[in-house]
Amino acid sequence: MAANGSALQWGTVRSLTLAWILTLPVSIVLSSALFWVFRGIF
């Protein structure tokens, strides 16, 4: 089934790919925002 592609669910593949691509930029933005917030507090 995997050889002819009938077992692949392209919606799931697309979601996983998007999650892999967006994880790093979102974590960078979140960590920098928290850094500036805590830097302003302390």
Protein backbone atom coordinates (compact mmCIF):
# COMPACT_ATOMS: atom_id res chain seq x y z
CA MET A 1 0.00 0.00 0.00
CA ALA A 2 2.82 2.42 0.75
CA ALA A 3 4.41 1.76 -2.64
CA ASN A 4 1.49 3.11 -4.66
CA GLY A 5 0.76 5.96 -2.24
CA SER A 6 -2.72 4.88 -1.23
CA ALA A 7 -1.78 4.66 2.46
CA LEU A 8 -0.47 8.22 2.64
CA GLN A 9 -2.80 10.80 4.11
CA TRP A 10 -1.60 14.03 2.53
CA GLY A 11 -3.42 16.22 5.02
CA THR A 12 -1.42 14.65 7.83
CA VAL A 13 1.84 14.93 5.89
CA ARG A 14 1.13 18.60 5.21
CA SER A 15 0.37 19.26 8.88
CA LEU A 16 3.55 17.57 10.03
CA THR A 17 5.65 19.48 7.50
CA LEU A 18 4.12 22.79 8.50
CA ALA A 19 4.73 21.99 12.17
CA TRP A 20 8.40 21.21 11.48
CA ILE A 21 8.86 24.42 9.51
CA LEU A 22 7.10 26.70 12.00
CA THR A 23 8.54 25.30 15.23
CA LEU A 24 11.90 27.07 15.08
CA PRO A 25 10.70 30.59 14.14
CA VAL A 26 7.87 30.50 16.68
CA SER A 27 10.23 29.36 19.45
CA ILE A 28 12.70 32.11 18.55
CA VAL A 29 10.01 34.79 18.68
CA LEU A 30 8.57 33.46 21.93
CA SER A 31 11.93 33.20 23.66
CA SER A 32 12.99 36.70 22.58
CA ALA A 33 9.67 38.15 23.75
CA LEU A 34 10.04 36.46 27.12
CA PHE A 35 13.63 37.67 27.36
CA TRP A 36 12.59 41.29 26.86
CA VAL A 37 9.66 40.98 29.26
CA PHE A 38 11.81 39.51 32.03
CA ARG A 39 14.60 41.95 31.30
CA GLY A 40 12.16 44.81 31.82
CA ILE A 41 10.86 43.32 35.06
CA PHE A 42 14.23 42.54 36.64
